[in-house]
Each structure stands twice: as C-alpha cells, then as structure tokens.
Amino acid sequence: MNDGTPARPRVVVEEPHDGRRRVRIDGEDVGVVVNAEELRRLLTRTGLTDEDTPVDDPRLIDWQGGGPDDWPAA
C-alpha cells in the first residue's frame, strides 16, 4: 500500500579502497569521500541531510565493508 510518502533515498557507502569510499544515492555515483566529515558535507550539498545529521544511522546509510569509523589509510 502506498501512502503517498516518497521513498527515502538509498545512500550506499561502498567498501574502502585506497583510503577512499565511493558514495551512491539511489544507484547514482555522487562522489568519493575520505572521511566521515567529507561524507556529511557531500550529503548536505545534495540536500539529503543537514550539517548536524549523524552518519551512523543505518536507516540513512548502508555502510559496506565497515562503518563510519572505518577509513583505512591510502
């Protein structure tokens, strides 16, 4: 049953590669980030969140290959 509420965008942060993580929103590549703060800024620029939104909310972000504290060095 559809109540008319738009579906929440699906944000995926892919597994780390060379210290970077690719970000996709609804399957569209929106960039590469190197830390959680950069991810927060990217999501704010896209209009999905504001600057204070936590990036550890699994309802917002599907973290693959580690969570928001997993940023291996390049």
N, C-alpha and C. Protein backbone atom coordinates (compact mmCIF):
# COMPACT_ATOMS: atom_id res chain seq x y z
N MET A 1 0.84 -1.19 0.00
CA MET A 1 0.00 0.00 0.00
C MET A 1 0.88 1.24 0.00
N ASN A 2 0.62 2.17 -0.87
CA ASN A 2 1.39 3.39 -0.99
C ASN A 2 0.62 4.53 -0.35
N ASP A 3 1.21 5.15 0.67
CA ASP A 3 0.53 6.24 1.36
C ASP A 3 0.86 7.61 0.77
N GLY A 4 1.60 7.64 -0.34
CA GLY A 4 1.93 8.90 -1.00
C GLY A 4 3.22 9.52 -0.49
N THR A 5 3.81 8.95 0.56
CA THR A 5 5.07 9.45 1.08
C THR A 5 6.20 8.99 0.17
N PRO A 6 7.04 9.91 -0.29
CA PRO A 6 8.13 9.50 -1.16
C PRO A 6 9.09 8.58 -0.41
N ALA A 7 9.64 7.63 -1.12
CA ALA A 7 10.61 6.72 -0.52
C ALA A 7 11.87 7.48 -0.15
N ARG A 8 12.46 7.10 0.96
CA ARG A 8 13.71 7.72 1.40
C ARG A 8 14.82 7.29 0.44
N PRO A 9 15.67 8.22 0.00
CA PRO A 9 16.76 7.85 -0.90
C PRO A 9 17.66 6.81 -0.26
N ARG A 10 18.17 5.91 -1.05
CA ARG A 10 19.08 4.87 -0.54
C ARG A 10 20.51 5.35 -0.75
N VAL A 11 21.20 5.60 0.34
CA VAL A 11 22.59 6.04 0.31
C VAL A 11 23.47 4.84 0.62
N VAL A 12 24.40 4.54 -0.27
CA VAL A 12 25.33 3.43 -0.07
C VAL A 12 26.74 3.99 -0.05
N VAL A 13 27.48 3.64 1.00
CA VAL A 13 28.90 3.97 1.06
C VAL A 13 29.64 2.66 0.87
N GLU A 14 30.35 2.56 -0.24
CA GLU A 14 30.98 1.30 -0.62
C GLU A 14 32.22 1.01 0.22
N GLU A 15 32.66 -0.23 0.11
CA GLU A 15 33.83 -0.71 0.82
C GLU A 15 35.04 0.17 0.53
N PRO A 16 35.89 0.42 1.54
CA PRO A 16 37.06 1.28 1.33
C PRO A 16 38.00 0.72 0.27
N HIS A 17 38.56 1.62 -0.50
CA HIS A 17 39.56 1.27 -1.50
C HIS A 17 40.60 2.38 -1.51
N ASP A 18 41.83 2.06 -1.18
CA ASP A 18 42.91 3.05 -1.15
C ASP A 18 42.58 4.24 -0.26
N GLY A 19 41.89 4.00 0.86
CA GLY A 19 41.56 5.07 1.78
C GLY A 19 40.35 5.90 1.37
N ARG A 20 39.73 5.55 0.25
CA ARG A 20 38.57 6.31 -0.24
C ARG A 20 37.35 5.41 -0.26
N ARG A 21 36.18 6.03 -0.21
CA ARG A 21 34.93 5.28 -0.30
C ARG A 21 34.00 5.97 -1.29
N ARG A 22 33.50 5.21 -2.23
CA ARG A 22 32.57 5.72 -3.23
C ARG A 22 31.19 5.81 -2.61
N VAL A 23 30.45 6.88 -2.95
CA VAL A 23 29.11 7.10 -2.42
C VAL A 23 28.11 7.07 -3.57
N ARG A 24 27.04 6.33 -3.39
CA ARG A 24 25.96 6.25 -4.38
C ARG A 24 24.64 6.59 -3.70
N ILE A 25 23.81 7.33 -4.42
CA ILE A 25 22.46 7.64 -3.94
C ILE A 25 21.49 7.12 -4.98
N ASP A 26 20.65 6.20 -4.55
CA ASP A 26 19.71 5.53 -5.46
C ASP A 26 20.42 5.00 -6.70
N GLY A 27 21.61 4.44 -6.50
CA GLY A 27 22.37 3.83 -7.59
C GLY A 27 23.22 4.79 -8.39
N GLU A 28 23.06 6.09 -8.18
CA GLU A 28 23.83 7.08 -8.93
C GLU A 28 25.09 7.46 -8.17
N ASP A 29 26.22 7.39 -8.85
CA ASP A 29 27.50 7.76 -8.27
C ASP A 29 27.51 9.27 -8.01
N VAL A 30 27.71 9.65 -6.72
CA VAL A 30 27.73 11.08 -6.39
C VAL A 30 29.08 11.56 -5.89
N GLY A 31 30.05 10.65 -5.80
CA GLY A 31 31.38 11.09 -5.42
C GLY A 31 32.14 10.09 -4.59
N VAL A 32 33.35 10.51 -4.23
CA VAL A 32 34.26 9.71 -3.41
C VAL A 32 34.64 10.56 -2.21
N VAL A 33 34.66 9.93 -1.04
CA VAL A 33 35.00 10.65 0.19
C VAL A 33 36.12 9.93 0.92
N VAL A 34 36.84 10.67 1.78
CA VAL A 34 37.96 10.07 2.50
C VAL A 34 37.75 10.06 4.02
N ASN A 35 36.65 10.64 4.49
CA ASN A 35 36.34 10.60 5.92
C ASN A 35 34.87 10.93 6.14
N ALA A 36 34.42 10.72 7.36
CA ALA A 36 33.01 10.92 7.68
C ALA A 36 32.57 12.38 7.52
N GLU A 37 33.45 13.31 7.83
CA GLU A 37 33.10 14.72 7.69
C GLU A 37 32.88 15.09 6.23
N GLU A 38 33.72 14.56 5.36
CA GLU A 38 33.55 14.81 3.92
C GLU A 38 32.23 14.20 3.43
N LEU A 39 31.89 13.02 3.94
CA LEU A 39 30.60 12.41 3.59
C LEU A 39 29.45 13.29 4.04
N ARG A 40 29.53 13.81 5.26
CA ARG A 40 28.48 14.69 5.79
C ARG A 40 28.31 15.91 4.89
N ARG A 41 29.42 16.50 4.46
CA ARG A 41 29.34 17.68 3.57
C ARG A 41 28.72 17.30 2.22
N LEU A 42 29.09 16.14 1.68
CA LEU A 42 28.53 15.68 0.41
C LEU A 42 27.02 15.51 0.51
N LEU A 43 26.56 14.86 1.57
CA LEU A 43 25.12 14.63 1.74
C LEU A 43 24.37 15.94 1.97
N THR A 44 25.01 16.89 2.63
CA THR A 44 24.39 18.21 2.83
C THR A 44 24.26 18.94 1.50
N ARG A 45 25.31 18.87 0.66
CA ARG A 45 25.25 19.53 -0.66
C ARG A 45 24.15 18.93 -1.54
N THR A 46 23.90 17.63 -1.40
CA THR A 46 22.86 17.01 -2.22
C THR A 46 21.47 17.32 -1.70
N GLY A 47 21.40 17.89 -0.48
CA GLY A 47 20.10 18.25 0.09
C GLY A 47 19.45 17.12 0.88
N LEU A 48 20.15 16.00 1.07
CA LEU A 48 19.57 14.87 1.81
C LEU A 48 19.60 15.08 3.31
N THR A 49 20.61 15.78 3.80
CA THR A 49 20.77 15.96 5.23
C THR A 49 21.16 17.39 5.52
N ASP A 50 21.24 17.70 6.82
CA ASP A 50 21.82 18.98 7.20
C ASP A 50 23.16 18.69 7.86
N GLU A 51 23.88 19.72 8.24
CA GLU A 51 25.24 19.56 8.75
C GLU A 51 25.32 18.77 10.05
N ASP A 52 24.21 18.68 10.79
CA ASP A 52 24.22 18.02 12.09
C ASP A 52 23.74 16.57 12.03
N THR A 53 23.36 16.08 10.86
CA THR A 53 22.84 14.72 10.75
C THR A 53 23.95 13.71 11.00
N PRO A 54 23.73 12.76 11.92
CA PRO A 54 24.75 11.74 12.14
C PRO A 54 24.86 10.79 10.96
N VAL A 55 26.07 10.38 10.64
CA VAL A 55 26.27 9.48 9.50
C VAL A 55 26.32 8.01 9.92
N ASP A 56 25.99 7.74 11.18
CA ASP A 56 25.99 6.35 11.64
C ASP A 56 24.59 5.75 11.72
N ASP A 57 23.60 6.44 11.15
CA ASP A 57 22.21 5.96 11.17
C ASP A 57 22.00 4.95 10.03
N PRO A 58 21.78 3.67 10.37
CA PRO A 58 21.62 2.66 9.32
C PRO A 58 20.33 2.84 8.50
N ARG A 59 19.40 3.66 8.99
CA ARG A 59 18.21 3.95 8.19
C ARG A 59 18.53 4.93 7.07
N LEU A 60 19.62 5.66 7.21
CA LEU A 60 20.03 6.64 6.22
C LEU A 60 21.10 6.08 5.27
N ILE A 61 22.09 5.35 5.84
CA ILE A 61 23.25 4.94 5.05
C ILE A 61 23.49 3.44 5.19
N ASP A 62 23.70 2.80 4.05
CA ASP A 62 24.09 1.40 4.01
C ASP A 62 25.61 1.37 3.87
N TRP A 63 26.30 1.10 4.99
CA TRP A 63 27.76 1.05 5.00
C TRP A 63 28.20 -0.34 4.57
N GLN A 64 29.05 -0.41 3.58
CA GLN A 64 29.56 -1.69 3.10
C GLN A 64 31.05 -1.77 3.38
N GLY A 65 31.48 -2.90 3.95
CA GLY A 65 32.89 -3.10 4.23
C GLY A 65 33.40 -2.31 5.42
N GLY A 66 32.55 -2.02 6.37
CA GLY A 66 32.94 -1.28 7.56
C GLY A 66 32.05 -0.08 7.74
N GLY A 67 31.99 0.40 8.97
CA GLY A 67 31.10 1.50 9.29
C GLY A 67 31.73 2.86 9.16
N PRO A 68 31.10 3.87 9.76
CA PRO A 68 31.56 5.25 9.62
C PRO A 68 32.91 5.54 10.27
N ASP A 69 33.41 4.61 11.07
CA ASP A 69 34.72 4.80 11.69
C ASP A 69 35.82 4.04 10.96
N ASP A 70 35.49 3.40 9.85
CA ASP A 70 36.45 2.58 9.11
C ASP A 70 36.94 3.32 7.87
N TRP A 71 38.07 3.97 8.01
CA TRP A 71 38.68 4.74 6.91
C TRP A 71 40.15 4.36 6.82
N PRO A 72 40.46 3.20 6.25
CA PRO A 72 41.87 2.78 6.17
C PRO A 72 42.71 3.78 5.38
N ALA A 73 43.95 3.88 5.78
CA ALA A 73 44.86 4.81 5.09
C ALA A 73 45.11 4.37 3.67
N ALA A 74 45.36 5.35 2.83
CA ALA A 74 45.63 5.06 1.41
C ALA A 74 46.93 4.31 1.25
